Amino acid sequence: MDNRRITAEALERLSECDDSRLREVMTSVIEHVHEIVREVKPSMEEWRKAIDFLTDVGHWSDEKRQEFIILSDTLGVTMLVDAICHQMPEGATETTVLGPFFVDGAESFSYGANISKGRGGESTLVTGSVTGLDGKPIGKARLDVWQAGPDGFYDVQKPDEFAEGNLRGVFETTETGHFAFCTVKPAPYPVPTDGPVGRMLLATGRHAWRPAHLHFIITAAGFQSVTTHLFVAGSEYLEGDVVQAVKESLIVDFTECDDSEEAARFNLPVPYFKLDHQFVLSPIS
């Protein structure tokens, strides 16, 4: 059979699809996947290995680890979707990847609370504000925060070693749009290499490292939500983030401080690190 005819027949079988968007997407998927096959001409053994790889990715995915997100991130697909979907107006906080270790329903904390549950690291105070494009403060904005520990692991990766909810929490801005929380300074870490995506990275000669960062999801009534990171200025891998998620506007300074009064107010040792940052949300049009 002519191999072009195989593609044509596969597309013809979408003719009864009533969902026009689904039909559009599936048409593109079939056309592009078929073209990949024609281009690389995989052997039957290679085709089977590809199926086994995707099956393995599915087996490694669960409610605490999403291997398909790691695959999407490390292939640059997530950032491509982000670039297409999030054309932010000038001045608004830029978005980046969600990552595979977000946990919905994290504990809510009061202003200035510490989300580090005794796993070491360099004490850090994070302060800032949430405003609109017009500079007006946004009260009761919700900040969902999470990060890896100084040893490079999220709590869900080592549940037998980490307290549940370590280094994650939800905060709300004050009436003046301000927020504050205590944590530990983030460090660079590799995406997990014990699964199929890690094996893919090693097989293709790629490193698995991400620069040090904090994760945020910021939401507020009447404004577009923002999923983003704040990257530590000077961190390794800013120029070669394995998931290509670094944006210049998201690189921030963590400054060493010895303000004993502020340290006492937030129950921090001296010295400590401090990050102060303003998030700017775009209104829902």
C-alpha atoms as a PDB file:
ATOM      1  CA  MET A   1       0.000   0.000   0.000  1.00  0.00           C
ATOM      2  CA  ASP A   2       1.227   3.524  -0.789  1.00  0.00           C
ATOM      3  CA  ASN A   3       2.272   5.013   2.550  1.00  0.00           C
ATOM      4  CA  ARG A   4       0.641   8.347   1.692  1.00  0.00           C
ATOM      5  CA  ARG A   5      -2.632   6.496   1.309  1.00  0.00           C
ATOM      6  CA  ILE A   6      -2.284   5.234   4.894  1.00  0.00           C
ATOM      7  CA  THR A   7      -2.200   8.822   6.128  1.00  0.00           C
ATOM      8  CA  ALA A   8      -5.120   9.835   3.922  1.00  0.00           C
ATOM      9  CA  GLU A   9      -7.257   6.979   5.227  1.00  0.00           C
ATOM     10  CA  ALA A  10      -6.385   7.804   8.840  1.00  0.00           C
ATOM     11  CA  LEU A  11      -7.519  11.383   8.239  1.00  0.00           C
ATOM     12  CA  GLU A  12     -10.702  10.283   6.473  1.00  0.00           C
ATOM     13  CA  ARG A  13     -11.734   8.405   9.616  1.00  0.00           C
ATOM     14  CA  LEU A  14     -12.028  11.711  11.438  1.00  0.00           C
ATOM     15  CA  SER A  15     -14.817  12.856   9.141  1.00  0.00           C
ATOM     16  CA  GLU A  16     -17.566  11.899  11.606  1.00  0.00           C
ATOM     17  CA  CYS A  17     -15.987  13.810  14.506  1.00  0.00           C
ATOM     18  CA  ASP A  18     -18.506  16.463  15.604  1.00  0.00           C
ATOM     19  CA  ASP A  19     -16.008  18.360  17.754  1.00  0.00           C
ATOM     20  CA  SER A  20     -14.310  20.722  15.290  1.00  0.00           C
ATOM     21  CA  ARG A  21     -11.431  21.575  17.633  1.00  0.00           C
ATOM     22  CA  LEU A  22     -10.747  17.914  18.399  1.00  0.00           C
ATOM     23  CA  ARG A  23     -10.850  17.134  14.684  1.00  0.00           C
ATOM     24  CA  GLU A  24      -8.394  19.983  14.013  1.00  0.00           C
ATOM     25  CA  VAL A  25      -5.981  18.787  16.678  1.00  0.00           C
ATOM     26  CA  MET A  26      -6.154  15.113  15.717  1.00  0.00           C
ATOM     27  CA  THR A  27      -5.660  15.958  12.036  1.00  0.00           C
ATOM     28  CA  SER A  28      -2.476  17.826  12.877  1.00  0.00           C
ATOM     29  CA  VAL A  29      -1.246  15.067  15.212  1.00  0.00           C
ATOM     30  CA  ILE A  30      -1.771  12.362  12.574  1.00  0.00           C
ATOM     31  CA  GLU A  31      -0.149  14.408   9.817  1.00  0.00           C
ATOM     32  CA  HIS A  32       2.916  15.312  11.872  1.00  0.00           C
ATOM     33  CA  VAL A  33       3.439  11.891  13.446  1.00  0.00           C
ATOM     34  CA  HIS A  34       3.186  10.238  10.053  1.00  0.00           C
ATOM     35  CA  GLU A  35       5.729  12.706   8.648  1.00  0.00           C
ATOM     36  CA  ILE A  36       8.116  11.918  11.507  1.00  0.00           C
ATOM     37  CA  VAL A  37       7.851   8.225  10.665  1.00  0.00           C
ATOM     38  CA  ARG A  38       8.544   8.913   6.983  1.00  0.00           C
ATOM     39  CA  GLU A  39      11.518  11.110   7.886  1.00  0.00           C
ATOM     40  CA  VAL A  40      13.303   8.866  10.413  1.00  0.00           C
ATOM     41  CA  LYS A  41      12.120   5.480   9.004  1.00  0.00           C
ATOM     42  CA  PRO A  42      12.173   3.619  12.329  1.00  0.00           C
ATOM     43  CA  SER A  43      12.746  -0.114  12.349  1.00  0.00           C
ATOM     44  CA  MET A  44      10.086  -2.271  13.981  1.00  0.00           C
ATOM     45  CA  GLU A  45      12.427  -2.672  16.953  1.00  0.00           C
ATOM     46  CA  GLU A  46      12.834   1.093  17.286  1.00  0.00           C
ATOM     47  CA  TRP A  47       9.077   1.606  16.990  1.00  0.00           C
ATOM     48  CA  ARG A  48       8.537  -0.930  19.769  1.00  0.00           C
ATOM     49  CA  LYS A  49      11.103   0.800  21.978  1.00  0.00           C
ATOM     50  CA  ALA A  50       9.261   4.084  21.470  1.00  0.00           C
ATOM     51  CA  ILE A  51       5.999   2.445  22.559  1.00  0.00           C
ATOM     52  CA  ASP A  52       7.726   0.893  25.566  1.00  0.00           C
ATOM     53  CA  PHE A  53       9.214   4.291  26.500  1.00  0.00           C
ATOM     54  CA  LEU A  54       5.816   6.025  26.492  1.00  0.00           C
ATOM     55  CA  THR A  55       4.289   3.113  28.415  1.00  0.00           C
ATOM     56  CA  ASP A  56       7.063   3.428  31.002  1.00  0.00           C
ATOM     57  CA  VAL A  57       6.454   7.178  31.313  1.00  0.00           C
ATOM     58  CA  GLY A  58       2.821   6.399  32.120  1.00  0.00           C
ATOM     59  CA  HIS A  59       3.771   3.785  34.700  1.00  0.00           C
ATOM     60  CA  TRP A  60       6.024   6.287  36.498  1.00  0.00           C
ATOM     61  CA  SER A  61       3.269   8.904  36.726  1.00  0.00           C
ATOM     62  CA  ASP A  62       1.073   9.134  39.810  1.00  0.00           C
ATOM     63  CA  GLU A  63      -0.539  11.759  42.048  1.00  0.00           C
ATOM     64  CA  LYS A  64       2.867  12.792  43.430  1.00  0.00           C
ATOM     65  CA  ARG A  65       5.037  12.631  40.321  1.00  0.00           C
ATOM     66  CA  GLN A  66       4.032  13.454  36.753  1.00  0.00           C
ATOM     67  CA  GLU A  67       6.611  11.892  34.440  1.00  0.00           C
ATOM     68  CA  PHE A  68       4.751  13.162  31.363  1.00  0.00           C
ATOM     69  CA  ILE A  69       5.216  16.737  32.612  1.00  0.00           C
ATOM     70  CA  ILE A  70       8.934  16.056  33.067  1.00  0.00           C
ATOM     71  CA  LEU A  71       9.002  14.726  29.489  1.00  0.00           C
ATOM     72  CA  SER A  72       7.135  17.746  28.155  1.00  0.00           C
ATOM     73  CA  ASP A  73       9.362  20.116  30.145  1.00  0.00           C
ATOM     74  CA  THR A  74      12.661  18.569  29.063  1.00  0.00           C
ATOM     75  CA  LEU A  75      11.653  18.505  25.392  1.00  0.00           C
ATOM     76  CA  GLY A  76      10.843  22.229  25.496  1.00  0.00           C
ATOM     77  CA  VAL A  77       7.173  21.574  24.748  1.00  0.00           C
ATOM     78  CA  THR A  78       5.893  23.141  27.963  1.00  0.00           C
ATOM     79  CA  MET A  79       7.760  26.381  27.366  1.00  0.00           C
ATOM     80  CA  LEU A  80       6.547  26.466  23.764  1.00  0.00           C
ATOM     81  CA  VAL A  81       2.933  26.169  24.959  1.00  0.00           C
ATOM     82  CA  ASP A  82       3.657  28.845  27.574  1.00  0.00           C
ATOM     83  CA  ALA A  83       5.108  31.195  24.948  1.00  0.00           C
ATOM     84  CA  ILE A  84       2.092  30.773  22.684  1.00  0.00           C
ATOM     85  CA  CYS A  85      -0.584  30.975  25.389  1.00  0.00           C
ATOM     86  CA  HIS A  86       0.828  33.669  27.640  1.00  0.00           C
ATOM     87  CA  GLN A  87       1.492  36.835  25.697  1.00  0.00           C
ATOM     88  CA  MET A  88       1.690  39.060  28.750  1.00  0.00           C
ATOM     89  CA  PRO A  89       1.260  42.840  28.512  1.00  0.00           C
ATOM     90  CA  GLU A  90       4.319  44.966  29.209  1.00  0.00           C
ATOM     91  CA  GLY A  91       4.977  45.229  32.925  1.00  0.00           C
ATOM     92  CA  ALA A  92       3.091  42.091  33.939  1.00  0.00           C
ATOM     93  CA  THR A  93       4.907  39.253  35.684  1.00  0.00           C
ATOM     94  CA  GLU A  94       6.005  36.649  33.170  1.00  0.00           C
ATOM     95  CA  THR A  95       4.927  33.025  33.373  1.00  0.00           C
ATOM     96  CA  THR A  96       6.947  29.827  33.183  1.00  0.00           C
ATOM     97  CA  VAL A  97       6.511  26.071  33.730  1.00  0.00           C
ATOM     98  CA  LEU A  98       4.398  24.516  36.479  1.00  0.00           C
ATOM     99  CA  GLY A  99       6.768  21.608  36.996  1.00  0.00           C
ATOM    100  CA  PRO A 100       5.914  18.057  38.043  1.00  0.00           C
ATOM    101  CA  PHE A 101       5.775  18.498  41.831  1.00  0.00           C
ATOM    102  CA  PHE A 102       2.930  20.943  42.451  1.00  0.00           C
ATOM    103  CA  VAL A 103       0.528  19.648  45.113  1.00  0.00           C
ATOM    104  CA  ASP A 104      -2.972  21.076  45.274  1.00  0.00           C
ATOM    105  CA  GLY A 105      -4.438  21.834  48.690  1.00  0.00           C
ATOM    106  CA  ALA A 106      -1.271  22.940  50.491  1.00  0.00           C
ATOM    107  CA  GLU A 107      -1.642  24.308  54.019  1.00  0.00           C
ATOM    108  CA  SER A 108      -2.558  27.978  54.419  1.00  0.00           C
ATOM    109  CA  PHE A 109      -0.293  30.115  56.584  1.00  0.00           C
ATOM    110  CA  SER A 110      -0.449  33.562  58.138  1.00  0.00           C
ATOM    111  CA  TYR A 111       1.732  36.513  57.140  1.00  0.00           C
ATOM    112  CA  GLY A 112       5.405  35.830  57.878  1.00  0.00           C
ATOM    113  CA  ALA A 113       5.054  32.122  58.697  1.00  0.00           C
ATOM    114  CA  ASN A 114       7.927  29.717  58.088  1.00  0.00           C
ATOM    115  CA  ILE A 115       7.292  26.892  55.587  1.00  0.00           C
ATOM    116  CA  SER A 116      10.584  25.117  56.348  1.00  0.00           C
ATOM    117  CA  LYS A 117      10.074  22.211  58.700  1.00  0.00           C
ATOM    118  CA  GLY A 118      13.550  21.718  60.100  1.00  0.00           C
ATOM    119  CA  ARG A 119      15.509  20.245  57.185  1.00  0.00           C
ATOM    120  CA  GLY A 120      18.452  22.648  57.309  1.00  0.00           C
ATOM    121  CA  GLY A 121      19.449  25.214  54.712  1.00  0.00           C
ATOM    122  CA  GLU A 122      20.108  28.955  54.727  1.00  0.00           C
ATOM    123  CA  SER A 123      17.309  30.892  56.406  1.00  0.00           C
ATOM    124  CA  THR A 124      15.528  33.225  54.011  1.00  0.00           C
ATOM    125  CA  LEU A 125      12.861  35.902  54.282  1.00  0.00           C
ATOM    126  CA  VAL A 126      10.686  36.449  51.202  1.00  0.00           C
ATOM    127  CA  THR A 127       8.661  39.658  51.124  1.00  0.00           C
ATOM    128  CA  GLY A 128       6.901  41.598  48.432  1.00  0.00           C
ATOM    129  CA  SER A 129       3.638  42.780  47.018  1.00  0.00           C
ATOM    130  CA  VAL A 130       1.047  41.978  44.391  1.00  0.00           C
ATOM    131  CA  THR A 131      -0.291  44.831  42.285  1.00  0.00           C
ATOM    132  CA  GLY A 132      -2.177  45.428  39.072  1.00  0.00           C
ATOM    133  CA  LEU A 133      -0.657  46.975  35.975  1.00  0.00           C
ATOM    134  CA  ASP A 134      -1.781  50.340  37.313  1.00  0.00           C
ATOM    135  CA  GLY A 135       0.354  49.861  40.431  1.00  0.00           C
ATOM    136  CA  LYS A 136      -2.603  49.598  42.766  1.00  0.00           C
ATOM    137  CA  PRO A 137      -2.185  46.939  45.460  1.00  0.00           C
ATOM    138  CA  ILE A 138      -4.264  43.775  45.276  1.00  0.00           C
ATOM    139  CA  GLY A 139      -5.509  42.627  48.658  1.00  0.00           C
ATOM    140  CA  LYS A 140      -6.461  39.021  49.323  1.00  0.00           C
ATOM    141  CA  ALA A 141      -4.380  37.773  46.396  1.00  0.00           C
ATOM    142  CA  ARG A 142      -3.503  34.107  46.877  1.00  0.00           C
ATOM    143  CA  LEU A 143       0.096  32.915  46.580  1.00  0.00           C
ATOM    144  CA  ASP A 144       0.694  29.172  46.349  1.00  0.00           C
ATOM    145  CA  VAL A 145       4.399  28.635  47.063  1.00  0.00           C
ATOM    146  CA  TRP A 146       6.596  25.546  46.841  1.00  0.00           C
ATOM    147  CA  GLN A 147      10.239  24.613  46.369  1.00  0.00           C
ATOM    148  CA  ALA A 148      12.816  21.876  46.617  1.00  0.00           C
ATOM    149  CA  GLY A 149      14.973  21.661  49.710  1.00  0.00           C
ATOM    150  CA  PRO A 150      18.670  22.551  49.853  1.00  0.00           C
ATOM    151  CA  ASP A 151      19.447  18.901  49.091  1.00  0.00           C
ATOM    152  CA  GLY A 152      17.504  19.097  45.818  1.00  0.00           C
ATOM    153  CA  PHE A 153      14.374  17.124  46.678  1.00  0.00           C
ATOM    154  CA  TYR A 154      10.711  18.049  47.086  1.00  0.00           C
ATOM    155  CA  ASP A 155       8.815  16.649  50.058  1.00  0.00           C
ATOM    156  CA  VAL A 156       6.794  14.268  47.875  1.00  0.00           C
ATOM    157  CA  GLN A 157       9.962  12.688  46.466  1.00  0.00           C
ATOM    158  CA  LYS A 158      11.066  11.439  49.878  1.00  0.00           C
ATOM    159  CA  PRO A 159       7.953  11.140  52.035  1.00  0.00           C
ATOM    160  CA  ASP A 160       9.760   8.931  54.572  1.00  0.00           C
ATOM    161  CA  GLU A 161      12.396  11.607  55.169  1.00  0.00           C
ATOM    162  CA  PHE A 162      10.512  14.902  54.789  1.00  0.00           C
ATOM    163  CA  ALA A 163       7.627  16.228  56.827  1.00  0.00           C
ATOM    164  CA  GLU A 164       4.464  16.362  54.729  1.00  0.00           C
ATOM    165  CA  GLY A 165       4.063  19.800  53.209  1.00  0.00           C
ATOM    166  CA  ASN A 166       7.660  20.796  53.840  1.00  0.00           C
ATOM    167  CA  LEU A 167       8.620  23.915  51.860  1.00  0.00           C
ATOM    168  CA  ARG A 168       5.163  24.556  50.459  1.00  0.00           C
ATOM    169  CA  GLY A 169       2.267  26.693  51.592  1.00  0.00           C
ATOM    170  CA  VAL A 170      -0.450  29.170  50.684  1.00  0.00           C
ATOM    171  CA  PHE A 171      -0.377  32.847  51.674  1.00  0.00           C
ATOM    172  CA  GLU A 172      -2.769  35.766  51.221  1.00  0.00           C
ATOM    173  CA  THR A 173      -1.790  39.379  50.687  1.00  0.00           C
ATOM    174  CA  THR A 174      -2.789  42.053  53.165  1.00  0.00           C
ATOM    175  CA  GLU A 175      -5.138  44.904  52.298  1.00  0.00           C
ATOM    176  CA  THR A 176      -2.063  46.797  51.078  1.00  0.00           C
ATOM    177  CA  GLY A 177      -1.128  43.926  48.773  1.00  0.00           C
ATOM    178  CA  HIS A 178       1.874  42.751  50.784  1.00  0.00           C
ATOM    179  CA  PHE A 179       3.006  39.251  51.685  1.00  0.00           C
ATOM    180  CA  ALA A 180       5.849  37.697  53.665  1.00  0.00           C
ATOM    181  CA  PHE A 181       7.029  34.196  54.481  1.00  0.00           C
ATOM    182  CA  CYS A 182      10.152  32.480  55.730  1.00  0.00           C
ATOM    183  CA  THR A 183      11.856  29.557  54.048  1.00  0.00           C
ATOM    184  CA  VAL A 184      15.352  28.404  53.090  1.00  0.00           C
ATOM    185  CA  LYS A 185      17.372  29.645  50.144  1.00  0.00           C
ATOM    186  CA  PRO A 186      16.724  27.355  47.165  1.00  0.00           C
ATOM    187  CA  ALA A 187      19.575  25.473  45.494  1.00  0.00           C
ATOM    188  CA  PRO A 188      20.084  23.990  42.012  1.00  0.00           C
ATOM    189  CA  TYR A 189      18.868  20.424  41.585  1.00  0.00           C
ATOM    190  CA  PRO A 190      18.419  17.826  38.841  1.00  0.00           C
ATOM    191  CA  VAL A 191      15.059  16.697  37.542  1.00  0.00           C
ATOM    192  CA  PRO A 192      14.586  13.038  38.489  1.00  0.00           C
ATOM    193  CA  THR A 193      16.841  10.752  36.481  1.00  0.00           C
ATOM    194  CA  ASP A 194      15.684   7.450  37.957  1.00  0.00           C
ATOM    195  CA  GLY A 195      12.825   7.107  35.449  1.00  0.00           C
ATOM    196  CA  PRO A 196      12.437   6.905  31.664  1.00  0.00           C
ATOM    197  CA  VAL A 197      12.880  10.651  31.074  1.00  0.00           C
ATOM    198  CA  GLY A 198      16.134  10.582  33.015  1.00  0.00           C
ATOM    199  CA  ARG A 199      17.349   7.706  30.880  1.00  0.00           C
ATOM    200  CA  MET A 200      16.407   9.706  27.777  1.00  0.00           C
ATOM    201  CA  LEU A 201      18.454  12.684  29.011  1.00  0.00           C
ATOM    202  CA  LEU A 202      21.489  10.524  29.730  1.00  0.00           C
ATOM    203  CA  ALA A 203      21.203   8.702  26.399  1.00  0.00           C
ATOM    204  CA  THR A 204      21.171  12.013  24.512  1.00  0.00           C
ATOM    205  CA  GLY A 205      24.129  13.436  26.438  1.00  0.00           C
ATOM    206  CA  ARG A 206      22.124  16.074  28.278  1.00  0.00           C
ATOM    207  CA  HIS A 207      22.456  17.188  31.890  1.00  0.00           C
ATOM    208  CA  ALA A 208      19.383  17.138  34.126  1.00  0.00           C
ATOM    209  CA  TRP A 209      19.974  20.281  36.180  1.00  0.00           C
ATOM    210  CA  ARG A 210      17.739  23.233  37.006  1.00  0.00           C
ATOM    211  CA  PRO A 211      18.908  26.544  38.496  1.00  0.00           C
ATOM    212  CA  ALA A 212      17.820  27.439  42.030  1.00  0.00           C
ATOM    213  CA  HIS A 213      14.266  28.781  42.149  1.00  0.00           C
ATOM    214  CA  LEU A 214      11.012  29.250  44.038  1.00  0.00           C
ATOM    215  CA  HIS A 215       7.654  28.293  42.504  1.00  0.00           C
ATOM    216  CA  PHE A 216       4.589  30.543  42.680  1.00  0.00           C
ATOM    217  CA  ILE A 217       0.995  30.471  41.513  1.00  0.00           C
ATOM    218  CA  ILE A 218      -0.608  33.875  42.111  1.00  0.00           C
ATOM    219  CA  THR A 219      -4.371  34.305  41.772  1.00  0.00           C
ATOM    220  CA  ALA A 220      -6.717  37.194  42.528  1.00  0.00           C
ATOM    221  CA  ALA A 221     -10.334  37.961  41.686  1.00  0.00           C
ATOM    222  CA  GLY A 222     -10.592  39.876  38.421  1.00  0.00           C
ATOM    223  CA  PHE A 223      -7.012  39.171  37.361  1.00  0.00           C
ATOM    224  CA  GLN A 224      -5.286  36.563  35.218  1.00  0.00           C
ATOM    225  CA  SER A 225      -3.536  33.917  37.305  1.00  0.00           C
ATOM    226  CA  VAL A 226       0.230  33.596  36.943  1.00  0.00           C
ATOM    227  CA  THR A 227       2.284  30.417  37.291  1.00  0.00           C
ATOM    228  CA  THR A 228       5.914  31.386  37.582  1.00  0.00           C
ATOM    229  CA  HIS A 229       9.328  30.978  39.233  1.00  0.00           C
ATOM    230  CA  LEU A 230      11.777  33.355  40.849  1.00  0.00           C
ATOM    231  CA  PHE A 231      15.338  32.284  40.015  1.00  0.00           C
ATOM    232  CA  VAL A 232      18.322  32.999  42.248  1.00  0.00           C
ATOM    233  CA  ALA A 233      20.681  35.468  40.556  1.00  0.00           C
ATOM    234  CA  GLY A 234      24.108  33.907  40.046  1.00  0.00           C
ATOM    235  CA  SER A 235      22.820  30.341  40.301  1.00  0.00           C
ATOM    236  CA  GLU A 236      24.423  27.653  38.192  1.00  0.00           C
ATOM    237  CA  TYR A 237      22.438  26.520  35.144  1.00  0.00           C
ATOM    238  CA  LEU A 238      20.645  29.817  34.517  1.00  0.00           C
ATOM    239  CA  GLU A 239      22.025  29.621  30.983  1.00  0.00           C
ATOM    240  CA  GLY A 240      21.283  25.922  30.534  1.00  0.00           C
ATOM    241  CA  ASP A 241      18.130  25.079  32.488  1.00  0.00           C
ATOM    242  CA  VAL A 242      17.143  21.563  31.424  1.00  0.00           C
ATOM    243  CA  VAL A 243      13.525  22.679  30.942  1.00  0.00           C
ATOM    244  CA  GLN A 244      14.388  26.028  29.273  1.00  0.00           C
ATOM    245  CA  ALA A 245      12.213  27.917  31.776  1.00  0.00           C
ATOM    246  CA  VAL A 246      14.449  30.872  32.695  1.00  0.00           C
ATOM    247  CA  LYS A 247      13.311  34.366  31.716  1.00  0.00           C
ATOM    248  CA  GLU A 248      15.477  37.399  32.448  1.00  0.00           C
ATOM    249  CA  SER A 249      12.713  39.229  34.342  1.00  0.00           C
ATOM    250  CA  LEU A 250      12.405  36.297  36.759  1.00  0.00           C
ATOM    251  CA  ILE A 251      16.044  36.330  37.909  1.00  0.00           C
ATOM    252  CA  VAL A 252      16.174  38.037  41.317  1.00  0.00           C
ATOM    253  CA  ASP A 253      18.673  38.857  44.050  1.00  0.00           C
ATOM    254  CA  PHE A 254      18.769  37.056  47.378  1.00  0.00           C
ATOM    255  CA  THR A 255      20.660  39.523  49.582  1.00  0.00           C
ATOM    256  CA  GLU A 256      22.451  38.565  52.779  1.00  0.00           C
ATOM    257  CA  CYS A 257      21.069  40.659  55.665  1.00  0.00           C
ATOM    258  CA  ASP A 258      22.055  41.303  59.274  1.00  0.00           C
ATOM    259  CA  ASP A 259      19.036  43.359  60.379  1.00  0.00           C
ATOM    260  CA  SER A 260      18.620  42.031  63.929  1.00  0.00           C
ATOM    261  CA  GLU A 261      15.253  43.750  64.448  1.00  0.00           C
ATOM    262  CA  GLU A 262      13.749  42.242  61.299  1.00  0.00           C
ATOM    263  CA  ALA A 263      15.302  38.877  62.125  1.00  0.00           C
ATOM    264  CA  ALA A 264      13.697  38.949  65.569  1.00  0.00           C
ATOM    265  CA  ARG A 265      10.323  39.937  64.082  1.00  0.00           C
ATOM    266  CA  PHE A 266      10.339  36.872  61.839  1.00  0.00           C
ATOM    267  CA  ASN A 267      12.212  34.582  64.259  1.00  0.00           C
ATOM    268  CA  LEU A 268      15.216  34.201  61.955  1.00  0.00           C
ATOM    269  CA  PRO A 269      18.916  33.867  62.774  1.00  0.00           C
ATOM    270  CA  VAL A 270      21.408  36.559  61.807  1.00  0.00           C
ATOM    271  CA  PRO A 271      22.585  36.694  59.104  1.00  0.00           C
ATOM    272  CA  TYR A 272      19.765  35.587  56.806  1.00  0.00           C
ATOM    273  CA  PHE A 273      18.951  35.985  53.137  1.00  0.00           C
ATOM    274  CA  LYS A 274      16.186  38.259  51.897  1.00  0.00           C
ATOM    275  CA  LEU A 275      14.249  38.484  48.665  1.00  0.00           C
ATOM    276  CA  ASP A 276      11.815  41.340  48.049  1.00  0.00           C
ATOM    277  CA  HIS A 277       9.768  41.177  44.859  1.00  0.00           C
ATOM    278  CA  GLN A 278       6.710  42.767  43.299  1.00  0.00           C
ATOM    279  CA  PHE A 279       4.341  40.579  41.291  1.00  0.00           C
ATOM    280  CA  VAL A 280       2.213  42.407  38.731  1.00  0.00           C
ATOM    281  CA  LEU A 281      -1.035  40.858  37.502  1.00  0.00           C
ATOM    282  CA  SER A 282      -2.936  41.642  34.341  1.00  0.00           C
ATOM    283  CA  PRO A 283      -6.706  42.201  34.595  1.00  0.00           C
ATOM    284  CA  ILE A 284      -9.063  39.743  32.976  1.00  0.00           C
ATOM    285  CA  SER A 285     -10.296  41.433  29.813  1.00  0.00           C
END
